[in-house]
Amino acid sequence: MIFGRPTNLWLGLATAIQGAIAITAVQLGADPTAVATISGAWGAVVGAMVLVVAGQTPTMNVGDSYVVTTPAGSPNVTKVANTNVTPIPPNAGETVPKT
């Protein structure tokens, strides 16, 4: 995500801008083959940059807090990242893992 928007929206925006620039260049008299070649190459570069920025895996350190969004009617829960790898469902009403 970039600025809270998912990757596919950013890639769609980049593609739309690329197409608009290519169409404008061809209509202004540029060689269509050259425009397509250059547009394709730079479109790939911009797409890769979006994926590098937006596609990073989220990371958390022990002690970082995060919010678990629950279904409607249940309050959201704030949790703290720890080394316990056994998840507790947010609606179970439990605060410790079952033993």
C-alpha atoms as a PDB file:
ATOM      1  CA  MET A   1       0.000   0.000   0.000  1.00  0.00           C
ATOM      2  CA  ILE A   2       1.020   3.565  -0.648  1.00  0.00           C
ATOM      3  CA  PHE A   3      -0.828   6.303   1.257  1.00  0.00           C
ATOM      4  CA  GLY A   4      -3.488   3.760   2.257  1.00  0.00           C
ATOM      5  CA  ARG A   5      -4.311   2.716  -1.311  1.00  0.00           C
ATOM      6  CA  PRO A   6      -3.748  -0.852  -2.553  1.00  0.00           C
ATOM      7  CA  THR A   7      -1.104  -1.756  -5.117  1.00  0.00           C
ATOM      8  CA  ASN A   8      -3.570  -2.471  -7.930  1.00  0.00           C
ATOM      9  CA  LEU A   9      -4.922   1.087  -7.809  1.00  0.00           C
ATOM     10  CA  TRP A  10      -1.414   2.559  -8.091  1.00  0.00           C
ATOM     11  CA  LEU A  11      -0.570   0.244 -10.987  1.00  0.00           C
ATOM     12  CA  GLY A  12      -3.840   1.244 -12.681  1.00  0.00           C
ATOM     13  CA  LEU A  13      -2.986   4.927 -12.266  1.00  0.00           C
ATOM     14  CA  ALA A  14       0.517   4.391 -13.669  1.00  0.00           C
ATOM     15  CA  THR A  15      -0.918   2.513 -16.664  1.00  0.00           C
ATOM     16  CA  ALA A  16      -3.513   5.213 -17.326  1.00  0.00           C
ATOM     17  CA  ILE A  17      -0.870   7.948 -17.225  1.00  0.00           C
ATOM     18  CA  GLN A  18       1.398   5.912 -19.503  1.00  0.00           C
ATOM     19  CA  GLY A  19      -1.419   5.459 -22.019  1.00  0.00           C
ATOM     20  CA  ALA A  20      -2.363   9.136 -21.959  1.00  0.00           C
ATOM     21  CA  ILE A  21       1.233  10.196 -22.574  1.00  0.00           C
ATOM     22  CA  ALA A  22       1.650   7.682 -25.415  1.00  0.00           C
ATOM     23  CA  ILE A  23      -1.589   8.733 -27.133  1.00  0.00           C
ATOM     24  CA  THR A  24      -0.682  12.399 -26.800  1.00  0.00           C
ATOM     25  CA  ALA A  25       2.803  11.830 -28.236  1.00  0.00           C
ATOM     26  CA  VAL A  26       1.447   9.923 -31.242  1.00  0.00           C
ATOM     27  CA  GLN A  27      -1.223  12.561 -31.886  1.00  0.00           C
ATOM     28  CA  LEU A  28       1.449  15.259 -31.796  1.00  0.00           C
ATOM     29  CA  GLY A  29       3.311  13.497 -34.609  1.00  0.00           C
ATOM     30  CA  ALA A  30       5.791  11.188 -32.885  1.00  0.00           C
ATOM     31  CA  ASP A  31       6.623   7.848 -34.493  1.00  0.00           C
ATOM     32  CA  PRO A  32       4.138   5.295 -33.054  1.00  0.00           C
ATOM     33  CA  THR A  33       6.721   2.483 -32.979  1.00  0.00           C
ATOM     34  CA  ALA A  34       9.196   4.580 -31.040  1.00  0.00           C
ATOM     35  CA  VAL A  35       6.476   5.785 -28.664  1.00  0.00           C
ATOM     36  CA  ALA A  36       5.305   2.217 -28.014  1.00  0.00           C
ATOM     37  CA  THR A  37       8.844   0.984 -27.394  1.00  0.00           C
ATOM     38  CA  ILE A  38       9.776   3.802 -25.032  1.00  0.00           C
ATOM     39  CA  SER A  39       6.381   3.778 -23.308  1.00  0.00           C
ATOM     40  CA  GLY A  40       6.555   0.030 -22.742  1.00  0.00           C
ATOM     41  CA  ALA A  41      10.040   0.184 -21.274  1.00  0.00           C
ATOM     42  CA  TRP A  42       9.273   3.068 -18.922  1.00  0.00           C
ATOM     43  CA  GLY A  43       5.909   1.553 -18.017  1.00  0.00           C
ATOM     44  CA  ALA A  44       7.719  -1.555 -16.833  1.00  0.00           C
ATOM     45  CA  VAL A  45      10.141   0.554 -14.783  1.00  0.00           C
ATOM     46  CA  VAL A  46       7.358   2.575 -13.138  1.00  0.00           C
ATOM     47  CA  GLY A  47       5.360  -0.605 -12.452  1.00  0.00           C
ATOM     48  CA  ALA A  48       8.380  -2.228 -10.829  1.00  0.00           C
ATOM     49  CA  MET A  49       8.940   0.861  -8.673  1.00  0.00           C
ATOM     50  CA  VAL A  50       5.304   0.801  -7.519  1.00  0.00           C
ATOM     51  CA  LEU A  51       5.598  -2.882  -6.647  1.00  0.00           C
ATOM     52  CA  VAL A  52       8.831  -2.332  -4.722  1.00  0.00           C
ATOM     53  CA  VAL A  53       7.316   0.492  -2.675  1.00  0.00           C
ATOM     54  CA  ALA A  54       3.787  -0.867  -2.236  1.00  0.00           C
ATOM     55  CA  GLY A  55       4.527  -4.577  -2.084  1.00  0.00           C
ATOM     56  CA  GLN A  56       6.790  -4.580   0.951  1.00  0.00           C
ATOM     57  CA  THR A  57       5.796  -7.108   3.551  1.00  0.00           C
ATOM     58  CA  PRO A  58       4.686  -5.491   6.784  1.00  0.00           C
ATOM     59  CA  THR A  59       7.132  -5.986   9.615  1.00  0.00           C
ATOM     60  CA  MET A  60       6.646  -5.643  13.333  1.00  0.00           C
ATOM     61  CA  ASN A  61       9.007  -5.819  16.242  1.00  0.00           C
ATOM     62  CA  VAL A  62       8.274  -7.356  19.612  1.00  0.00           C
ATOM     63  CA  GLY A  63       6.380  -4.754  21.639  1.00  0.00           C
ATOM     64  CA  ASP A  64       4.772  -2.990  18.636  1.00  0.00           C
ATOM     65  CA  SER A  65       1.025  -2.522  19.041  1.00  0.00           C
ATOM     66  CA  TYR A  66      -1.504  -3.167  16.297  1.00  0.00           C
ATOM     67  CA  VAL A  67      -5.286  -3.100  15.966  1.00  0.00           C
ATOM     68  CA  VAL A  68      -7.283  -6.237  15.159  1.00  0.00           C
ATOM     69  CA  THR A  69     -10.399  -5.259  13.232  1.00  0.00           C
ATOM     70  CA  THR A  70     -13.346  -7.391  14.326  1.00  0.00           C
ATOM     71  CA  PRO A  71     -16.752  -8.022  12.737  1.00  0.00           C
ATOM     72  CA  ALA A  72     -19.520  -5.474  13.222  1.00  0.00           C
ATOM     73  CA  GLY A  73     -20.939  -5.482  16.726  1.00  0.00           C
ATOM     74  CA  SER A  74     -17.642  -6.377  18.383  1.00  0.00           C
ATOM     75  CA  PRO A  75     -15.123  -3.781  19.522  1.00  0.00           C
ATOM     76  CA  ASN A  76     -11.769  -3.672  17.772  1.00  0.00           C
ATOM     77  CA  VAL A  77      -8.930  -5.019  19.879  1.00  0.00           C
ATOM     78  CA  THR A  78      -5.448  -3.571  20.327  1.00  0.00           C
ATOM     79  CA  LYS A  79      -2.773  -6.257  20.582  1.00  0.00           C
ATOM     80  CA  VAL A  80       0.974  -6.173  21.172  1.00  0.00           C
ATOM     81  CA  ALA A  81       3.392  -8.145  18.996  1.00  0.00           C
ATOM     82  CA  ASN A  82       5.237 -10.827  20.923  1.00  0.00           C
ATOM     83  CA  THR A  83       6.978 -14.126  20.344  1.00  0.00           C
ATOM     84  CA  ASN A  84       3.809 -16.170  20.970  1.00  0.00           C
ATOM     85  CA  VAL A  85       2.955 -17.665  17.582  1.00  0.00           C
ATOM     86  CA  THR A  86      -0.378 -19.137  18.716  1.00  0.00           C
ATOM     87  CA  PRO A  87      -3.039 -16.664  17.550  1.00  0.00           C
ATOM     88  CA  ILE A  88      -6.060 -15.988  19.737  1.00  0.00           C
ATOM     89  CA  PRO A  89      -9.291 -15.285  17.824  1.00  0.00           C
ATOM     90  CA  PRO A  90     -10.464 -11.735  18.639  1.00  0.00           C
ATOM     91  CA  ASN A  91     -14.035 -12.810  19.500  1.00  0.00           C
ATOM     92  CA  ALA A  92     -13.127 -15.758  21.750  1.00  0.00           C
ATOM     93  CA  GLY A  93     -13.217 -13.627  24.890  1.00  0.00           C
ATOM     94  CA  GLU A  94      -9.948 -15.152  26.060  1.00  0.00           C
ATOM     95  CA  THR A  95      -6.781 -13.293  26.944  1.00  0.00           C
ATOM     96  CA  VAL A  96      -4.385 -16.247  27.198  1.00  0.00           C
ATOM     97  CA  PRO A  97      -3.876 -19.239  24.894  1.00  0.00           C
ATOM     98  CA  LYS A  98      -5.480 -22.535  25.873  1.00  0.00           C
ATOM     99  CA  THR A  99      -3.079 -25.056  27.357  1.00  0.00           C
END
